[in-house]
């Protein structure tokens, strides 16, 4: 079958990109799962103990540790809090290195540790710095259908998002959904149930800061 091209678009190239991303996604899941398993074992926890500590189902923890599913941001928060570590310990292999004792660090463009969840892709920034009061991220937001109550999650702390590209819809409990475009910013209480979705097919990215006194160490 001949390669189909429309204004520079190539079906073969798109298929190749999808295959590359599928391989990368599997590696990201496997790496995250291994870090979570190592942390659980370092805490001296069985799967049953981890389930009790985090409030997650044992089967969910098992699937994450084996790279079979991508955890949501809220589940990452619950695991970090349950294990008594900063969320950057879950998202970055560098977080446990000797450089974590520094009080200043730089992340060059595109070099942050990347993780994938069901609705977002995160690039974790400045993960080498320990005892941070905030967790800085750049997130690529997926387009999906209208958000429902089951899609919303809550946790301790506060959050701030700043739209870098595309448009997002932010839904926060007790408030009407709000549309945000490039340059728009929102700050909200993370204890209110909330979620974000992209409104367009174009790449939608936000700068995202989260804080939680229980896990932002």
Protein backbone atom coordinates (compact mmCIF):
# COMPACT_ATOMS: atom_id res chain seq x y z
CA UNK A 1 0.00 0.00 0.00
CA UNK A 2 1.39 3.38 -0.98
CA UNK A 3 2.26 5.89 1.72
CA UNK A 4 -0.60 8.36 2.14
CA UNK A 5 0.47 12.00 2.35
CA UNK A 6 -1.70 15.04 2.96
CA UNK A 7 0.09 18.40 3.28
CA UNK A 8 3.15 16.83 4.84
CA UNK A 9 1.18 14.33 6.93
CA UNK A 10 2.25 10.73 6.51
CA UNK A 11 0.24 7.72 7.62
CA UNK A 12 3.42 5.69 7.93
CA UNK A 13 4.99 8.42 10.06
CA UNK A 14 1.90 8.63 12.29
CA UNK A 15 1.93 4.86 12.76
CA UNK A 16 5.63 4.99 13.58
CA UNK A 17 5.05 7.79 16.10
CA UNK A 18 2.27 5.81 17.75
CA UNK A 19 4.50 2.75 17.97
CA UNK A 20 7.33 4.81 19.47
CA UNK A 21 5.00 6.35 22.03
CA UNK A 22 3.58 2.91 22.90
CA UNK A 23 7.10 1.66 23.63
CA UNK A 24 7.92 4.76 25.67
CA UNK A 25 4.68 4.46 27.61
CA UNK A 26 5.46 0.86 28.51
CA UNK A 27 8.91 1.87 29.74
CA UNK A 28 7.50 4.77 31.78
CA UNK A 29 4.97 2.47 33.40
CA UNK A 30 7.62 -0.15 34.13
CA UNK A 31 10.03 2.39 35.64
CA UNK A 32 7.32 3.94 37.81
CA UNK A 33 6.14 0.53 38.92
CA UNK A 34 9.66 -0.51 39.91
CA UNK A 35 10.18 2.68 41.93
CA UNK A 36 6.88 2.17 43.73
CA UNK A 37 7.70 -1.44 44.49
CA UNK A 38 11.16 -0.51 45.80
CA UNK A 39 9.71 2.22 48.02
CA UNK A 40 7.06 -0.14 49.37
CA UNK A 41 9.69 -2.72 50.21
CA UNK A 42 11.92 -0.05 51.78
CA UNK A 43 8.97 0.82 54.01
CA UNK A 44 8.71 -2.85 55.00
CA UNK A 45 5.19 -3.09 53.62
CA UNK A 46 3.47 -6.06 52.03
CA UNK A 47 0.91 -5.40 49.32
CA UNK A 48 -1.79 -5.77 51.98
CA UNK A 49 -0.02 -3.28 54.23
CA UNK A 50 0.44 -0.83 51.37
CA UNK A 51 -3.26 -1.07 50.55
CA UNK A 52 -4.17 -0.26 54.15
CA UNK A 53 -1.64 2.60 54.31
CA UNK A 54 -2.69 4.23 51.03
CA UNK A 55 -6.38 3.36 50.83
CA UNK A 56 -5.89 1.86 47.36
CA UNK A 57 -7.05 -1.61 46.40
CA UNK A 58 -4.36 -4.28 46.62
CA UNK A 59 -5.02 -5.20 43.00
CA UNK A 60 -4.48 -1.56 41.93
CA UNK A 61 -1.09 -1.39 43.65
CA UNK A 62 -0.11 -4.72 42.13
CA UNK A 63 -1.05 -3.57 38.62
CA UNK A 64 0.84 -0.29 39.01
CA UNK A 65 3.96 -2.03 40.32
CA UNK A 66 3.88 -4.40 37.35
CA UNK A 67 3.48 -1.60 34.82
CA UNK A 68 -0.01 -2.68 33.77
CA UNK A 69 -1.80 0.59 34.52
CA UNK A 70 -0.92 4.28 34.91
CA UNK A 71 -1.99 5.75 38.27
CA UNK A 72 -3.99 8.95 38.43
CA UNK A 73 -2.46 12.02 40.05
CA UNK A 74 -4.72 11.53 43.07
CA UNK A 75 -3.52 7.94 43.50
CA UNK A 76 0.10 9.09 43.26
CA UNK A 77 -0.64 11.55 46.07
CA UNK A 78 -2.18 8.79 48.19
CA UNK A 79 0.82 6.53 47.66
CA UNK A 80 3.31 9.30 48.45
CA UNK A 81 1.43 10.21 51.61
CA UNK A 82 1.05 6.57 52.63
CA UNK A 83 4.75 5.84 52.16
CA UNK A 84 5.80 9.10 53.81
CA UNK A 85 7.79 10.42 50.84
CA UNK A 86 7.64 13.39 48.50
CA UNK A 87 5.74 12.75 45.29
CA UNK A 88 8.95 13.46 43.37
CA UNK A 89 10.32 10.18 44.79
CA UNK A 90 7.69 8.39 42.76
CA UNK A 91 8.04 10.44 39.59
CA UNK A 92 11.81 10.75 39.25
CA UNK A 93 14.68 8.30 39.46
CA UNK A 94 16.93 11.23 40.36
CA UNK A 95 15.05 12.15 43.52
CA UNK A 96 16.91 9.68 45.71
CA UNK A 97 20.37 10.70 44.55
CA UNK A 98 22.98 12.62 46.52
CA UNK A 99 22.02 15.80 44.66
CA UNK A 100 18.74 15.74 46.61
CA UNK A 101 20.57 17.47 49.48
CA UNK A 102 21.10 20.63 47.44
CA UNK A 103 19.05 23.78 47.94
CA UNK A 104 19.15 24.93 44.32
CA UNK A 105 18.61 22.97 41.14
CA UNK A 106 17.91 23.60 37.45
CA UNK A 107 15.89 21.55 34.98
CA UNK A 108 16.78 22.32 31.36
CA UNK A 109 14.00 22.48 28.78
CA UNK A 110 12.56 19.06 28.05
CA UNK A 111 14.83 17.19 30.49
CA UNK A 112 12.40 16.67 33.38
CA UNK A 113 11.31 13.18 34.34
CA UNK A 114 8.14 12.25 32.45
CA UNK A 115 5.29 10.11 33.71
CA UNK A 116 1.95 9.18 32.20
CA UNK A 117 -1.41 8.89 33.96
CA UNK A 118 -4.86 8.17 32.57
CA UNK A 119 -5.55 11.78 31.57
CA UNK A 120 -2.24 13.67 31.77
CA UNK A 121 1.44 13.41 30.95
CA UNK A 122 3.64 15.06 33.57
CA UNK A 123 7.14 16.44 33.26
CA UNK A 124 8.48 16.74 36.81
CA UNK A 125 10.70 19.79 37.28
CA UNK A 126 13.54 20.34 39.76
CA UNK A 127 13.13 16.86 41.26
CA UNK A 128 16.72 16.83 42.58
CA UNK A 129 15.77 19.35 45.27
CA UNK A 130 14.52 17.78 48.48
CA UNK A 131 12.15 19.18 51.12
CA UNK A 132 10.34 21.36 48.62
CA UNK A 133 7.17 23.16 49.70
CA UNK A 134 5.74 22.92 46.18
CA UNK A 135 5.79 20.36 43.38
CA UNK A 136 6.35 22.06 39.97
CA UNK A 137 5.17 20.23 36.85
CA UNK A 138 4.54 20.82 33.18
CA UNK A 139 1.57 18.72 32.13
CA UNK A 140 0.16 17.80 28.74
CA UNK A 141 -3.59 17.46 29.13
CA UNK A 142 -5.65 14.96 27.14
CA UNK A 143 -8.86 15.87 25.40
CA UNK A 144 -11.79 13.89 26.78
CA UNK A 145 -15.54 14.10 27.16
CA UNK A 146 -17.50 16.11 29.68
CA UNK A 147 -16.23 15.61 33.22
CA UNK A 148 -18.46 13.81 35.69
CA UNK A 149 -18.26 13.43 39.46
CA UNK A 150 -16.40 10.13 39.12
CA UNK A 151 -13.63 11.93 37.22
CA UNK A 152 -12.96 14.40 40.04
CA UNK A 153 -10.51 13.79 42.87
CA UNK A 154 -9.37 15.65 45.99
CA UNK A 155 -6.33 15.68 48.27
CA UNK A 156 -4.64 17.95 50.80
CA UNK A 157 -2.97 21.20 49.76
CA UNK A 158 -3.50 23.84 47.09
CA UNK A 159 -2.84 24.06 43.36
CA UNK A 160 -2.14 26.67 40.72
CA UNK A 161 -2.27 26.14 36.96
CA UNK A 162 -1.11 28.44 34.15
CA UNK A 163 -2.04 27.61 30.55
CA UNK A 164 0.91 27.46 28.16
CA UNK A 165 -0.90 26.22 25.03
CA UNK A 166 -4.38 25.17 23.99
CA UNK A 167 -7.53 25.51 26.10
CA UNK A 168 -8.57 23.62 29.21
CA UNK A 169 -11.71 23.26 31.23
CA UNK A 170 -11.17 23.30 34.99
CA UNK A 171 -13.91 21.88 37.15
CA UNK A 172 -13.80 22.46 40.91
CA UNK A 173 -16.39 21.28 43.39
CA UNK A 174 -19.06 23.92 44.22
CA UNK A 175 -18.04 26.07 41.22
CA UNK A 176 -19.22 26.21 37.64
CA UNK A 177 -16.68 24.78 35.13
CA UNK A 178 -14.32 27.48 33.85
CA UNK A 179 -12.56 27.65 30.48
CA UNK A 180 -8.93 28.81 30.49
CA UNK A 181 -6.84 29.84 27.49
CA UNK A 182 -3.19 30.71 26.92
CA UNK A 183 -1.94 33.00 29.70
CA UNK A 184 -4.92 32.32 31.99
CA UNK A 185 -4.21 31.22 35.55
CA UNK A 186 -6.30 29.54 38.28
CA UNK A 187 -5.58 28.84 41.94
CA UNK A 188 -7.77 26.48 44.00
CA UNK A 189 -8.04 24.42 47.14
CA UNK A 190 -7.04 20.82 46.40
CA UNK A 191 -9.36 19.50 49.13
CA UNK A 192 -12.24 20.38 46.79
CA UNK A 193 -12.88 17.71 44.17
CA UNK A 194 -11.39 18.82 40.86
CA UNK A 195 -10.25 17.76 37.40
CA UNK A 196 -8.95 19.25 34.15
CA UNK A 197 -9.55 18.36 30.53
CA UNK A 198 -8.33 19.73 27.20
CA UNK A 199 -10.96 21.24 24.93
CA UNK A 200 -9.10 20.98 21.60
CA UNK A 201 -7.14 18.38 19.64
CA UNK A 202 -4.12 20.69 19.61
CA UNK A 203 -1.33 20.10 22.15
CA UNK A 204 -2.55 21.47 25.46
CA UNK A 205 0.09 22.17 28.11
CA UNK A 206 -0.03 23.82 31.51
CA UNK A 207 2.46 24.81 34.18
CA UNK A 208 1.11 23.15 37.30
CA UNK A 209 2.13 23.73 40.91
CA UNK A 210 0.80 21.56 43.72
CA UNK A 211 1.46 21.67 47.44
CA UNK A 212 0.53 19.24 50.18
CA UNK A 213 2.02 19.57 53.66
CA UNK A 214 1.82 15.80 54.08
CA UNK A 215 3.90 14.83 51.07
CA UNK A 216 5.68 17.87 49.57
CA UNK A 217 8.91 17.14 51.41
